[in-house]
Amino acid sequence: MVDSAAPAIGEKPILLYSWICPYVQRVTLALAHKKLSEPIEEVPIDLGNKPSWLPQLSPHGKVPAVAYKEGDRTFTLYESLALLDWVDHYFSKGPALMPANAGDRALCNILISRS
């Protein structure tokens, strides 16, 4: 483990990532689909030499993870499927990630859970 300073958590979400992780790629593709006017701040993580603070933001010490403050609450979110839902709702102004129809949405969730 590397001893480095943890990123500052503020109102703008930060994404902890490693490009070699396919679960991170799920989230980055979702963010790209949303066509954000201002990209999310990204913090690269070396999975072979993880920083000592990583478990504070991702309890299992894995990526992807997102951290941000909203009012007096600090959110630390992890697990790619949960983050896909978060991306879709947090960045609601962009195109939807999932269909509005309940049946189509369920079918998409089946496909996503198997990928």
PDB file of N, CA and C in Angstrom:
ATOM      1  N   MET A   1       0.835  -1.193   0.000  1.00  0.00           N
ATOM      2  CA  MET A   1       0.000   0.000   0.000  1.00  0.00           C
ATOM      3  C   MET A   1       0.874   1.248   0.000  1.00  0.00           C
ATOM      4  N   VAL A   2       0.383   2.229  -0.679  1.00  0.00           N
ATOM      5  CA  VAL A   2       1.086   3.499  -0.802  1.00  0.00           C
ATOM      6  C   VAL A   2       0.490   4.482   0.197  1.00  0.00           C
ATOM      7  N   ASP A   3       1.345   5.235   0.848  1.00  0.00           N
ATOM      8  CA  ASP A   3       0.870   6.292   1.732  1.00  0.00           C
ATOM      9  C   ASP A   3       0.879   7.602   0.960  1.00  0.00           C
ATOM     10  N   SER A   4      -0.296   8.014   0.535  1.00  0.00           N
ATOM     11  CA  SER A   4      -0.455   9.286  -0.153  1.00  0.00           C
ATOM     12  C   SER A   4      -1.700   9.949   0.409  1.00  0.00           C
ATOM     13  N   ALA A   5      -1.854  11.214   0.109  1.00  0.00           N
ATOM     14  CA  ALA A   5      -3.013  11.946   0.616  1.00  0.00           C
ATOM     15  C   ALA A   5      -4.263  11.522  -0.144  1.00  0.00           C
ATOM     16  N   ALA A   6      -5.333  11.306   0.594  1.00  0.00           N
ATOM     17  CA  ALA A   6      -6.623  10.971  -0.015  1.00  0.00           C
ATOM     18  C   ALA A   6      -7.150  12.194  -0.759  1.00  0.00           C
ATOM     19  N   PRO A   7      -7.888  11.983  -1.830  1.00  0.00           N
ATOM     20  CA  PRO A   7      -8.457  13.131  -2.544  1.00  0.00           C
ATOM     21  C   PRO A   7      -9.474  13.855  -1.668  1.00  0.00           C
ATOM     22  N   ALA A   8      -9.556  15.161  -1.843  1.00  0.00           N
ATOM     23  CA  ALA A   8     -10.547  15.953  -1.103  1.00  0.00           C
ATOM     24  C   ALA A   8     -11.934  15.644  -1.654  1.00  0.00           C
ATOM     25  N   ILE A   9     -12.868  15.411  -0.755  1.00  0.00           N
ATOM     26  CA  ILE A   9     -14.243  15.114  -1.150  1.00  0.00           C
ATOM     27  C   ILE A   9     -15.035  16.416  -1.074  1.00  0.00           C
ATOM     28  N   GLY A  10     -15.626  16.791  -2.202  1.00  0.00           N
ATOM     29  CA  GLY A  10     -16.420  18.011  -2.254  1.00  0.00           C
ATOM     30  C   GLY A  10     -17.745  17.751  -2.931  1.00  0.00           C
ATOM     31  N   GLU A  11     -18.392  18.821  -3.364  1.00  0.00           N
ATOM     32  CA  GLU A  11     -19.699  18.689  -4.012  1.00  0.00           C
ATOM     33  C   GLU A  11     -19.598  18.068  -5.402  1.00  0.00           C
ATOM     34  N   LYS A  12     -18.469  18.237  -6.052  1.00  0.00           N
ATOM     35  CA  LYS A  12     -18.275  17.617  -7.365  1.00  0.00           C
ATOM     36  C   LYS A  12     -17.825  16.170  -7.149  1.00  0.00           C
ATOM     37  N   PRO A  13     -18.537  15.219  -7.732  1.00  0.00           N
ATOM     38  CA  PRO A  13     -18.158  13.812  -7.537  1.00  0.00           C
ATOM     39  C   PRO A  13     -16.784  13.501  -8.116  1.00  0.00           C
ATOM     40  N   ILE A  14     -16.102  12.564  -7.462  1.00  0.00           N
ATOM     41  CA  ILE A  14     -14.839  12.053  -7.980  1.00  0.00           C
ATOM     42  C   ILE A  14     -15.012  10.563  -8.245  1.00  0.00           C
ATOM     43  N   LEU A  15     -14.376  10.104  -9.298  1.00  0.00           N
ATOM     44  CA  LEU A  15     -14.412   8.699  -9.674  1.00  0.00           C
ATOM     45  C   LEU A  15     -13.040   8.092  -9.449  1.00  0.00           C
ATOM     46  N   LEU A  16     -12.968   7.072  -8.624  1.00  0.00           N
ATOM     47  CA  LEU A  16     -11.735   6.321  -8.426  1.00  0.00           C
ATOM     48  C   LEU A  16     -11.744   5.202  -9.470  1.00  0.00           C
ATOM     49  N   TYR A  17     -10.686   5.099 -10.254  1.00  0.00           N
ATOM     50  CA  TYR A  17     -10.721   4.179 -11.381  1.00  0.00           C
ATOM     51  C   TYR A  17      -9.352   3.575 -11.677  1.00  0.00           C
ATOM     52  N   SER A  18      -9.373   2.515 -12.448  1.00  0.00           N
ATOM     53  CA  SER A  18      -8.200   1.940 -13.087  1.00  0.00           C
ATOM     54  C   SER A  18      -8.665   1.481 -14.462  1.00  0.00           C
ATOM     55  N   TRP A  19      -7.983   1.911 -15.509  1.00  0.00           N
ATOM     56  CA  TRP A  19      -8.436   1.611 -16.869  1.00  0.00           C
ATOM     57  C   TRP A  19      -8.425   0.132 -17.194  1.00  0.00           C
ATOM     58  N   ILE A  20      -7.676  -0.675 -16.440  1.00  0.00           N
ATOM     59  CA  ILE A  20      -7.641  -2.103 -16.739  1.00  0.00           C
ATOM     60  C   ILE A  20      -8.860  -2.843 -16.186  1.00  0.00           C
ATOM     61  N   CYS A  21      -9.681  -2.162 -15.413  1.00  0.00           N
ATOM     62  CA  CYS A  21     -10.831  -2.805 -14.777  1.00  0.00           C
ATOM     63  C   CYS A  21     -12.079  -2.719 -15.679  1.00  0.00           C
ATOM     64  N   PRO A  22     -12.651  -3.851 -16.089  1.00  0.00           N
ATOM     65  CA  PRO A  22     -13.842  -3.804 -16.942  1.00  0.00           C
ATOM     66  C   PRO A  22     -15.052  -3.188 -16.239  1.00  0.00           C
ATOM     67  N   TYR A  23     -15.111  -3.262 -14.918  1.00  0.00           N
ATOM     68  CA  TYR A  23     -16.227  -2.662 -14.184  1.00  0.00           C
ATOM     69  C   TYR A  23     -16.153  -1.137 -14.219  1.00  0.00           C
ATOM     70  N   VAL A  24     -14.938  -0.620 -14.220  1.00  0.00           N
ATOM     71  CA  VAL A  24     -14.747   0.823 -14.392  1.00  0.00           C
ATOM     72  C   VAL A  24     -15.206   1.225 -15.792  1.00  0.00           C
ATOM     73  N   GLN A  25     -14.913   0.402 -16.770  1.00  0.00           N
ATOM     74  CA  GLN A  25     -15.297   0.714 -18.143  1.00  0.00           C
ATOM     75  C   GLN A  25     -16.811   0.814 -18.290  1.00  0.00           C
ATOM     76  N   ARG A  26     -17.556  -0.001 -17.536  1.00  0.00           N
ATOM     77  CA  ARG A  26     -19.020   0.136 -17.531  1.00  0.00           C
ATOM     78  C   ARG A  26     -19.428   1.557 -17.144  1.00  0.00           C
ATOM     79  N   VAL A  27     -18.835   2.026 -16.064  1.00  0.00           N
ATOM     80  CA  VAL A  27     -19.196   3.340 -15.527  1.00  0.00           C
ATOM     81  C   VAL A  27     -18.733   4.457 -16.456  1.00  0.00           C
ATOM     82  N   THR A  28     -17.518   4.363 -16.986  1.00  0.00           N
ATOM     83  CA  THR A  28     -17.033   5.426 -17.863  1.00  0.00           C
ATOM     84  C   THR A  28     -17.834   5.482 -19.166  1.00  0.00           C
ATOM     85  N   LEU A  29     -18.288   4.344 -19.658  1.00  0.00           N
ATOM     86  CA  LEU A  29     -19.156   4.347 -20.843  1.00  0.00           C
ATOM     87  C   LEU A  29     -20.497   5.019 -20.532  1.00  0.00           C
ATOM     88  N   ALA A  30     -21.035   4.754 -19.354  1.00  0.00           N
ATOM     89  CA  ALA A  30     -22.290   5.393 -18.956  1.00  0.00           C
ATOM     90  C   ALA A  30     -22.105   6.903 -18.844  1.00  0.00           C
ATOM     91  N   LEU A  31     -21.000   7.328 -18.257  1.00  0.00           N
ATOM     92  CA  LEU A  31     -20.726   8.764 -18.145  1.00  0.00           C
ATOM     93  C   LEU A  31     -20.568   9.396 -19.526  1.00  0.00           C
ATOM     94  N   ALA A  32     -19.908   8.700 -20.439  1.00  0.00           N
ATOM     95  CA  ALA A  32     -19.736   9.223 -21.800  1.00  0.00           C
ATOM     96  C   ALA A  32     -21.093   9.337 -22.504  1.00  0.00           C
ATOM     97  N   HIS A  33     -21.964   8.371 -22.282  1.00  0.00           N
ATOM     98  CA  HIS A  33     -23.299   8.393 -22.895  1.00  0.00           C
ATOM     99  C   HIS A  33     -24.102   9.607 -22.421  1.00  0.00           C
ATOM    100  N   LYS A  34     -23.895  10.020 -21.188  1.00  0.00           N
ATOM    101  CA  LYS A  34     -24.629  11.156 -20.629  1.00  0.00           C
ATOM    102  C   LYS A  34     -24.209  12.489 -21.238  1.00  0.00           C
ATOM    103  N   LYS A  35     -23.076  12.515 -21.942  1.00  0.00           N
ATOM    104  CA  LYS A  35     -22.589  13.731 -22.601  1.00  0.00           C
ATOM    105  C   LYS A  35     -22.540  14.911 -21.632  1.00  0.00           C
ATOM    106  N   LEU A  36     -21.810  14.722 -20.550  1.00  0.00           N
ATOM    107  CA  LEU A  36     -21.712  15.736 -19.505  1.00  0.00           C
ATOM    108  C   LEU A  36     -21.037  17.001 -20.021  1.00  0.00           C
ATOM    109  N   SER A  37     -21.575  18.146 -19.619  1.00  0.00           N
ATOM    110  CA  SER A  37     -20.960  19.413 -20.019  1.00  0.00           C
ATOM    111  C   SER A  37     -19.633  19.619 -19.296  1.00  0.00           C
ATOM    112  N   GLU A  38     -19.526  19.070 -18.103  1.00  0.00           N
ATOM    113  CA  GLU A  38     -18.281  19.155 -17.339  1.00  0.00           C
ATOM    114  C   GLU A  38     -17.934  17.745 -16.867  1.00  0.00           C
ATOM    115  N   PRO A  39     -16.799  17.214 -17.300  1.00  0.00           N
ATOM    116  CA  PRO A  39     -16.481  15.835 -16.935  1.00  0.00           C
ATOM    117  C   PRO A  39     -16.297  15.647 -15.433  1.00  0.00           C
ATOM    118  N   ILE A  40     -16.573  14.456 -14.979  1.00  0.00           N
ATOM    119  CA  ILE A  40     -16.394  14.106 -13.577  1.00  0.00           C
ATOM    120  C   ILE A  40     -14.887  14.035 -13.293  1.00  0.00           C
ATOM    121  N   GLU A  41     -14.485  14.439 -12.106  1.00  0.00           N
ATOM    122  CA  GLU A  41     -13.070  14.366 -11.731  1.00  0.00           C
ATOM    123  C   GLU A  41     -12.686  12.902 -11.550  1.00  0.00           C
ATOM    124  N   GLU A  42     -11.558  12.514 -12.107  1.00  0.00           N
ATOM    125  CA  GLU A  42     -11.099  11.135 -12.031  1.00  0.00           C
ATOM    126  C   GLU A  42      -9.806  11.043 -11.240  1.00  0.00           C
ATOM    127  N   VAL A  43      -9.731  10.022 -10.372  1.00  0.00           N
ATOM    128  CA  VAL A  43      -8.538   9.765  -9.572  1.00  0.00           C
ATOM    129  C   VAL A  43      -8.052   8.361  -9.917  1.00  0.00           C
ATOM    130  N   PRO A  44      -6.899   8.252 -10.606  1.00  0.00           N
ATOM    131  CA  PRO A  44      -6.405   6.927 -10.985  1.00  0.00           C
ATOM    132  C   PRO A  44      -5.904   6.147  -9.766  1.00  0.00           C
ATOM    133  N   ILE A  45      -6.182   4.850  -9.768  1.00  0.00           N
ATOM    134  CA  ILE A  45      -5.736   3.964  -8.696  1.00  0.00           C
ATOM    135  C   ILE A  45      -4.867   2.875  -9.305  1.00  0.00           C
ATOM    136  N   ASP A  46      -3.681   2.702  -8.773  1.00  0.00           N
ATOM    137  CA  ASP A  46      -2.792   1.614  -9.188  1.00  0.00           C
ATOM    138  C   ASP A  46      -3.205   0.380  -8.393  1.00  0.00           C
ATOM    139  N   LEU A  47      -3.870  -0.556  -9.045  1.00  0.00           N
ATOM    140  CA  LEU A  47      -4.390  -1.731  -8.343  1.00  0.00           C
ATOM    141  C   LEU A  47      -3.289  -2.643  -7.824  1.00  0.00           C
ATOM    142  N   GLY A  48      -2.090  -2.518  -8.372  1.00  0.00           N
ATOM    143  CA  GLY A  48      -0.959  -3.297  -7.879  1.00  0.00           C
ATOM    144  C   GLY A  48      -0.282  -2.665  -6.676  1.00  0.00           C
ATOM    145  N   ASN A  49      -0.610  -1.415  -6.401  1.00  0.00           N
ATOM    146  CA  ASN A  49      -0.004  -0.671  -5.292  1.00  0.00           C
ATOM    147  C   ASN A  49      -1.039   0.325  -4.778  1.00  0.00           C
ATOM    148  N   LYS A  50      -2.082  -0.183  -4.157  1.00  0.00           N
ATOM    149  CA  LYS A  50      -3.233   0.630  -3.749  1.00  0.00           C
ATOM    150  C   LYS A  50      -2.862   1.624  -2.647  1.00  0.00           C
ATOM    151  N   PRO A  51      -3.460   2.814  -2.697  1.00  0.00           N
ATOM    152  CA  PRO A  51      -3.210   3.787  -1.631  1.00  0.00           C
ATOM    153  C   PRO A  51      -3.867   3.332  -0.321  1.00  0.00           C
ATOM    154  N   SER A  52      -3.258   3.687   0.783  1.00  0.00           N
ATOM    155  CA  SER A  52      -3.751   3.253   2.096  1.00  0.00           C
ATOM    156  C   SER A  52      -5.141   3.806   2.409  1.00  0.00           C
ATOM    157  N   TRP A  53      -5.540   4.905   1.799  1.00  0.00           N
ATOM    158  CA  TRP A  53      -6.840   5.515   2.070  1.00  0.00           C
ATOM    159  C   TRP A  53      -7.982   4.889   1.267  1.00  0.00           C
ATOM    160  N   LEU A  54      -7.687   4.030   0.292  1.00  0.00           N
ATOM    161  CA  LEU A  54      -8.729   3.484  -0.581  1.00  0.00           C
ATOM    162  C   LEU A  54      -9.880   2.818   0.180  1.00  0.00           C
ATOM    163  N   PRO A  55      -9.632   2.010   1.225  1.00  0.00           N
ATOM    164  CA  PRO A  55     -10.760   1.388   1.935  1.00  0.00           C
ATOM    165  C   PRO A  55     -11.716   2.388   2.605  1.00  0.00           C
ATOM    166  N   GLN A  56     -11.275   3.617   2.824  1.00  0.00           N
ATOM    167  CA  GLN A  56     -12.176   4.635   3.378  1.00  0.00           C
ATOM    168  C   GLN A  56     -13.248   5.029   2.365  1.00  0.00           C
ATOM    169  N   LEU A  57     -12.924   4.944   1.073  1.00  0.00           N
ATOM    170  CA  LEU A  57     -13.847   5.339   0.019  1.00  0.00           C
ATOM    171  C   LEU A  57     -14.452   4.144  -0.709  1.00  0.00           C
ATOM    172  N   SER A  58     -13.842   2.995  -0.582  1.00  0.00           N
ATOM    173  CA  SER A  58     -14.336   1.763  -1.178  1.00  0.00           C
ATOM    174  C   SER A  58     -14.034   0.638  -0.192  1.00  0.00           C
ATOM    175  N   PRO A  59     -15.010   0.242   0.623  1.00  0.00           N
ATOM    176  CA  PRO A  59     -14.766  -0.700   1.721  1.00  0.00           C
ATOM    177  C   PRO A  59     -14.047  -2.000   1.327  1.00  0.00           C
ATOM    178  N   HIS A  60     -14.225  -2.447   0.090  1.00  0.00           N
ATOM    179  CA  HIS A  60     -13.560  -3.667  -0.360  1.00  0.00           C
ATOM    180  C   HIS A  60     -12.223  -3.365  -1.042  1.00  0.00           C
ATOM    181  N   GLY A  61     -11.878  -2.076  -1.114  1.00  0.00           N
ATOM    182  CA  GLY A  61     -10.617  -1.678  -1.728  1.00  0.00           C
ATOM    183  C   GLY A  61     -10.590  -1.873  -3.224  1.00  0.00           C
ATOM    184  N   LYS A  62     -11.774  -1.789  -3.862  1.00  0.00           N
ATOM    185  CA  LYS A  62     -11.876  -2.013  -5.301  1.00  0.00           C
ATOM    186  C   LYS A  62     -12.361  -0.761  -6.013  1.00  0.00           C
ATOM    187  N   VAL A  63     -12.178  -0.769  -7.326  1.00  0.00           N
ATOM    188  CA  VAL A  63     -12.708   0.291  -8.176  1.00  0.00           C
ATOM    189  C   VAL A  63     -13.727  -0.352  -9.106  1.00  0.00           C
ATOM    190  N   PRO A  64     -14.666   0.415  -9.584  1.00  0.00           N
ATOM    191  CA  PRO A  64     -14.853   1.855  -9.462  1.00  0.00           C
ATOM    192  C   PRO A  64     -15.503   2.223  -8.133  1.00  0.00           C
ATOM    193  N   ALA A  65     -15.292   3.465  -7.754  1.00  0.00           N
ATOM    194  CA  ALA A  65     -15.959   4.045  -6.594  1.00  0.00           C
ATOM    195  C   ALA A  65     -16.144   5.531  -6.866  1.00  0.00           C
ATOM    196  N   VAL A  66     -17.180   6.091  -6.282  1.00  0.00           N
ATOM    197  CA  VAL A  66     -17.482   7.514  -6.428  1.00  0.00           C
ATOM    198  C   VAL A  66     -17.666   8.089  -5.037  1.00  0.00           C
ATOM    199  N   ALA A  67     -17.166   9.297  -4.827  1.00  0.00           N
ATOM    200  CA  ALA A  67     -17.350   9.988  -3.544  1.00  0.00           C
ATOM    201  C   ALA A  67     -17.702  11.446  -3.819  1.00  0.00           C
ATOM    202  N   TYR A  68     -18.616  11.969  -3.011  1.00  0.00           N
ATOM    203  CA  TYR A  68     -18.998  13.378  -3.123  1.00  0.00           C
ATOM    204  C   TYR A  68     -19.820  13.772  -1.904  1.00  0.00           C
ATOM    205  N   LYS A  69     -19.970  15.084  -1.722  1.00  0.00           N
ATOM    206  CA  LYS A  69     -20.795  15.626  -0.647  1.00  0.00           C
ATOM    207  C   LYS A  69     -22.060  16.222  -1.237  1.00  0.00           C
ATOM    208  N   GLU A  70     -23.145  16.048  -0.521  1.00  0.00           N
ATOM    209  CA  GLU A  70     -24.420  16.653  -0.889  1.00  0.00           C
ATOM    210  C   GLU A  70     -25.030  17.182   0.401  1.00  0.00           C
ATOM    211  N   GLY A  71     -25.004  18.506   0.541  1.00  0.00           N
ATOM    212  CA  GLY A  71     -25.445  19.093   1.810  1.00  0.00           C
ATOM    213  C   GLY A  71     -24.484  18.681   2.914  1.00  0.00           C
ATOM    214  N   ASP A  72     -25.023  18.159   4.003  1.00  0.00           N
ATOM    215  CA  ASP A  72     -24.173  17.746   5.119  1.00  0.00           C
ATOM    216  C   ASP A  72     -23.827  16.254   5.075  1.00  0.00           C
ATOM    217  N   ARG A  73     -24.151  15.588   3.972  1.00  0.00           N
ATOM    218  CA  ARG A  73     -23.881  14.156   3.835  1.00  0.00           C
ATOM    219  C   ARG A  73     -22.730  13.917   2.869  1.00  0.00           C
ATOM    220  N   THR A  74     -21.910  12.926   3.188  1.00  0.00           N
ATOM    221  CA  THR A  74     -20.860  12.472   2.292  1.00  0.00           C
ATOM    222  C   THR A  74     -21.248  11.096   1.787  1.00  0.00           C
ATOM    223  N   PHE A  75     -21.243  10.945   0.463  1.00  0.00           N
ATOM    224  CA  PHE A  75     -21.584   9.665  -0.146  1.00  0.00           C
ATOM    225  C   PHE A  75     -20.322   9.006  -0.671  1.00  0.00           C
ATOM    226  N   THR A  76     -20.129   7.746  -0.325  1.00  0.00           N
ATOM    227  CA  THR A  76     -19.083   6.922  -0.903  1.00  0.00           C
ATOM    228  C   THR A  76     -19.790   5.716  -1.503  1.00  0.00           C
ATOM    229  N   LEU A  77     -19.786   5.647  -2.804  1.00  0.00           N
ATOM    230  CA  LEU A  77     -20.536   4.639  -3.538  1.00  0.00           C
ATOM    231  C   LEU A  77     -19.575   3.735  -4.296  1.00  0.00           C
ATOM    232  N   TYR A  78     -19.920   2.474  -4.393  1.00  0.00           N
ATOM    233  CA  TYR A  78     -19.082   1.505  -5.088  1.00  0.00           C
ATOM    234  C   TYR A  78     -19.979   0.410  -5.657  1.00  0.00           C
ATOM    235  N   GLU A  79     -19.401  -0.505  -6.393  1.00  0.00           N
ATOM    236  CA  GLU A  79     -20.095  -1.555  -7.146  1.00  0.00           C
ATOM    237  C   GLU A  79     -20.645  -0.960  -8.441  1.00  0.00           C
ATOM    238  N   SER A  80     -20.165  -1.463  -9.554  1.00  0.00           N
ATOM    239  CA  SER A  80     -20.454  -0.855 -10.851  1.00  0.00           C
ATOM    240  C   SER A  80     -21.941  -0.814 -11.185  1.00  0.00           C
ATOM    241  N   LEU A  81     -22.709  -1.845 -10.841  1.00  0.00           N
ATOM    242  CA  LEU A  81     -24.133  -1.824 -11.179  1.00  0.00           C
ATOM    243  C   LEU A  81     -24.867  -0.735 -10.402  1.00  0.00           C
ATOM    244  N   ALA A  82     -24.519  -0.551  -9.150  1.00  0.00           N
ATOM    245  CA  ALA A  82     -25.118   0.534  -8.358  1.00  0.00           C
ATOM    246  C   ALA A  82     -24.696   1.891  -8.921  1.00  0.00           C
ATOM    247  N   LEU A  83     -23.452   1.984  -9.384  1.00  0.00           N
ATOM    248  CA  LEU A  83     -22.978   3.242  -9.948  1.00  0.00           C
ATOM    249  C   LEU A  83     -23.655   3.568 -11.273  1.00  0.00           C
ATOM    250  N   LEU A  84     -24.017   2.562 -12.059  1.00  0.00           N
ATOM    251  CA  LEU A  84     -24.756   2.830 -13.292  1.00  0.00           C
ATOM    252  C   LEU A  84     -26.099   3.493 -12.981  1.00  0.00           C
ATOM    253  N   ASP A  85     -26.775   2.993 -11.978  1.00  0.00           N
ATOM    254  CA  ASP A  85     -28.050   3.596 -11.573  1.00  0.00           C
ATOM    255  C   ASP A  85     -27.824   5.012 -11.061  1.00  0.00           C
ATOM    256  N   TRP A  86     -26.765   5.209 -10.274  1.00  0.00           N
ATOM    257  CA  TRP A  86     -26.434   6.538  -9.751  1.00  0.00           C
ATOM    258  C   TRP A  86     -26.163   7.507 -10.903  1.00  0.00           C
ATOM    259  N   VAL A  87     -25.356   7.082 -11.885  1.00  0.00           N
ATOM    260  CA  VAL A  87     -25.048   7.945 -13.038  1.00  0.00           C
ATOM    261  C   VAL A  87     -26.336   8.375 -13.720  1.00  0.00           C
ATOM    262  N   ASP A  88     -27.240   7.428 -13.943  1.00  0.00           N
ATOM    263  CA  ASP A  88     -28.478   7.728 -14.657  1.00  0.00           C
ATOM    264  C   ASP A  88     -29.334   8.752 -13.921  1.00  0.00           C
ATOM    265  N   HIS A  89     -29.361   8.676 -12.599  1.00  0.00           N
ATOM    266  CA  HIS A  89     -30.202   9.598 -11.819  1.00  0.00           C
ATOM    267  C   HIS A  89     -29.488  10.889 -11.445  1.00  0.00           C
ATOM    268  N   TYR A  90     -28.220  10.809 -11.078  1.00  0.00           N
ATOM    269  CA  TYR A  90     -27.481  12.007 -10.668  1.00  0.00           C
ATOM    270  C   TYR A  90     -27.320  12.971 -11.834  1.00  0.00           C
ATOM    271  N   PHE A  91     -27.042  12.434 -13.003  1.00  0.00           N
ATOM    272  CA  PHE A  91     -26.880  13.247 -14.209  1.00  0.00           C
ATOM    273  C   PHE A  91     -28.142  13.099 -15.067  1.00  0.00           C
ATOM    274  N   SER A  92     -29.263  13.474 -14.504  1.00  0.00           N
ATOM    275  CA  SER A  92     -30.567  13.224 -15.131  1.00  0.00           C
ATOM    276  C   SER A  92     -30.813  14.061 -16.384  1.00  0.00           C
ATOM    277  N   LYS A  93     -30.036  15.121 -16.594  1.00  0.00           N
ATOM    278  CA  LYS A  93     -30.256  15.982 -17.763  1.00  0.00           C
ATOM    279  C   LYS A  93     -29.799  15.342 -19.067  1.00  0.00           C
ATOM    280  N   GLY A  94     -28.905  14.413 -19.005  1.00  0.00           N
ATOM    281  CA  GLY A  94     -28.416  13.757 -20.214  1.00  0.00           C
ATOM    282  C   GLY A  94     -29.358  12.666 -20.674  1.00  0.00           C
ATOM    283  N   PRO A  95     -29.023  12.005 -21.781  1.00  0.00           N
ATOM    284  CA  PRO A  95     -29.871  10.924 -22.261  1.00  0.00           C
ATOM    285  C   PRO A  95     -29.938   9.781 -21.237  1.00  0.00           C
ATOM    286  N   ALA A  96     -31.102   9.162 -21.139  1.00  0.00           N
ATOM    287  CA  ALA A  96     -31.302   8.072 -20.181  1.00  0.00           C
ATOM    288  C   ALA A  96     -30.451   6.861 -20.566  1.00  0.00           C
ATOM    289  N   LEU A  97     -29.967   6.155 -19.557  1.00  0.00           N
ATOM    290  CA  LEU A  97     -29.216   4.930 -19.802  1.00  0.00           C
ATOM    291  C   LEU A  97     -30.143   3.736 -20.017  1.00  0.00           C
ATOM    292  N   MET A  98     -31.300   3.798 -19.402  1.00  0.00           N
ATOM    293  CA  MET A  98     -32.235   2.670 -19.432  1.00  0.00           C
ATOM    294  C   MET A  98     -33.550   3.094 -20.068  1.00  0.00           C
ATOM    295  N   PRO A  99     -34.244   2.142 -20.700  1.00  0.00           N
ATOM    296  CA  PRO A  99     -35.550   2.458 -21.276  1.00  0.00           C
ATOM    297  C   PRO A  99     -36.573   2.782 -20.192  1.00  0.00           C
ATOM    298  N   ALA A 100     -37.576   3.557 -20.537  1.00  0.00           N
ATOM    299  CA  ALA A 100     -38.625   3.923 -19.586  1.00  0.00           C
ATOM    300  C   ALA A 100     -39.610   2.776 -19.348  1.00  0.00           C
ATOM    301  N   ASN A 101     -39.822   1.941 -20.359  1.00  0.00           N
ATOM    302  CA  ASN A 101     -40.755   0.820 -20.244  1.00  0.00           C
ATOM    303  C   ASN A 101     -40.233  -0.192 -19.231  1.00  0.00           C
ATOM    304  N   ALA A 102     -41.084  -0.620 -18.293  1.00  0.00           N
ATOM    305  CA  ALA A 102     -40.668  -1.523 -17.210  1.00  0.00           C
ATOM    306  C   ALA A 102     -40.134  -2.851 -17.727  1.00  0.00           C
ATOM    307  N   GLY A 103     -40.786  -3.426 -18.728  1.00  0.00           N
ATOM    308  CA  GLY A 103     -40.330  -4.699 -19.270  1.00  0.00           C
ATOM    309  C   GLY A 103     -38.979  -4.587 -19.943  1.00  0.00           C
ATOM    310  N   ASP A 104     -38.818  -3.540 -20.764  1.00  0.00           N
ATOM    311  CA  ASP A 104     -37.530  -3.322 -21.426  1.00  0.00           C
ATOM    312  C   ASP A 104     -36.428  -3.051 -20.414  1.00  0.00           C
ATOM    313  N   ARG A 105     -36.775  -2.306 -19.379  1.00  0.00           N
ATOM    314  CA  ARG A 105     -35.798  -1.994 -18.326  1.00  0.00           C
ATOM    315  C   ARG A 105     -35.356  -3.278 -17.631  1.00  0.00           C
ATOM    316  N   ALA A 106     -36.300  -4.154 -17.324  1.00  0.00           N
ATOM    317  CA  ALA A 106     -35.969  -5.428 -16.675  1.00  0.00           C
ATOM    318  C   ALA A 106     -35.069  -6.275 -17.574  1.00  0.00           C
ATOM    319  N   LEU A 107     -35.369  -6.316 -18.865  1.00  0.00           N
ATOM    320  CA  LEU A 107     -34.530  -7.070 -19.796  1.00  0.00           C
ATOM    321  C   LEU A 107     -33.110  -6.506 -19.845  1.00  0.00           C
ATOM    322  N   CYS A 108     -32.997  -5.195 -19.830  1.00  0.00           N
ATOM    323  CA  CYS A 108     -31.662  -4.568 -19.800  1.00  0.00           C
ATOM    324  C   CYS A 108     -30.918  -4.943 -18.534  1.00  0.00           C
ATOM    325  N   ASN A 109     -31.607  -4.947 -17.401  1.00  0.00           N
ATOM    326  CA  ASN A 109     -30.967  -5.328 -16.140  1.00  0.00           C
ATOM    327  C   ASN A 109     -30.485  -6.773 -16.167  1.00  0.00           C
ATOM    328  N   ILE A 110     -31.241  -7.651 -16.820  1.00  0.00           N
ATOM    329  CA  ILE A 110     -30.801  -9.052 -16.957  1.00  0.00           C
ATOM    330  C   ILE A 110     -29.510  -9.108 -17.776  1.00  0.00           C
ATOM    331  N   LEU A 111     -29.488  -8.408 -18.901  1.00  0.00           N
ATOM    332  CA  LEU A 111     -28.293  -8.404 -19.750  1.00  0.00           C
ATOM    333  C   LEU A 111     -27.086  -7.812 -19.023  1.00  0.00           C
ATOM    334  N   ILE A 112     -27.299  -6.722 -18.322  1.00  0.00           N
ATOM    335  CA  ILE A 112     -26.196  -6.066 -17.609  1.00  0.00           C
ATOM    336  C   ILE A 112     -25.653  -6.970 -16.517  1.00  0.00           C
ATOM    337  N   SER A 113     -26.525  -7.645 -15.783  1.00  0.00           N
ATOM    338  CA  SER A 113     -26.065  -8.490 -14.667  1.00  0.00           C
ATOM    339  C   SER A 113     -25.264  -9.686 -15.160  1.00  0.00           C
ATOM    340  N   ARG A 114     -25.440 -10.055 -16.432  1.00  0.00           N
ATOM    341  CA  ARG A 114     -24.712 -11.209 -16.991  1.00  0.00           C
ATOM    342  C   ARG A 114     -23.434 -10.800 -17.705  1.00  0.00           C
ATOM    343  N   SER A 115     -23.195  -9.508 -17.832  1.00  0.00           N
ATOM    344  CA  SER A 115     -21.990  -9.075 -18.545  1.00  0.00           C
ATOM    345  C   SER A 115     -20.837  -8.859 -17.601  1.00  0.00           C
TER     346      SER A 115
END
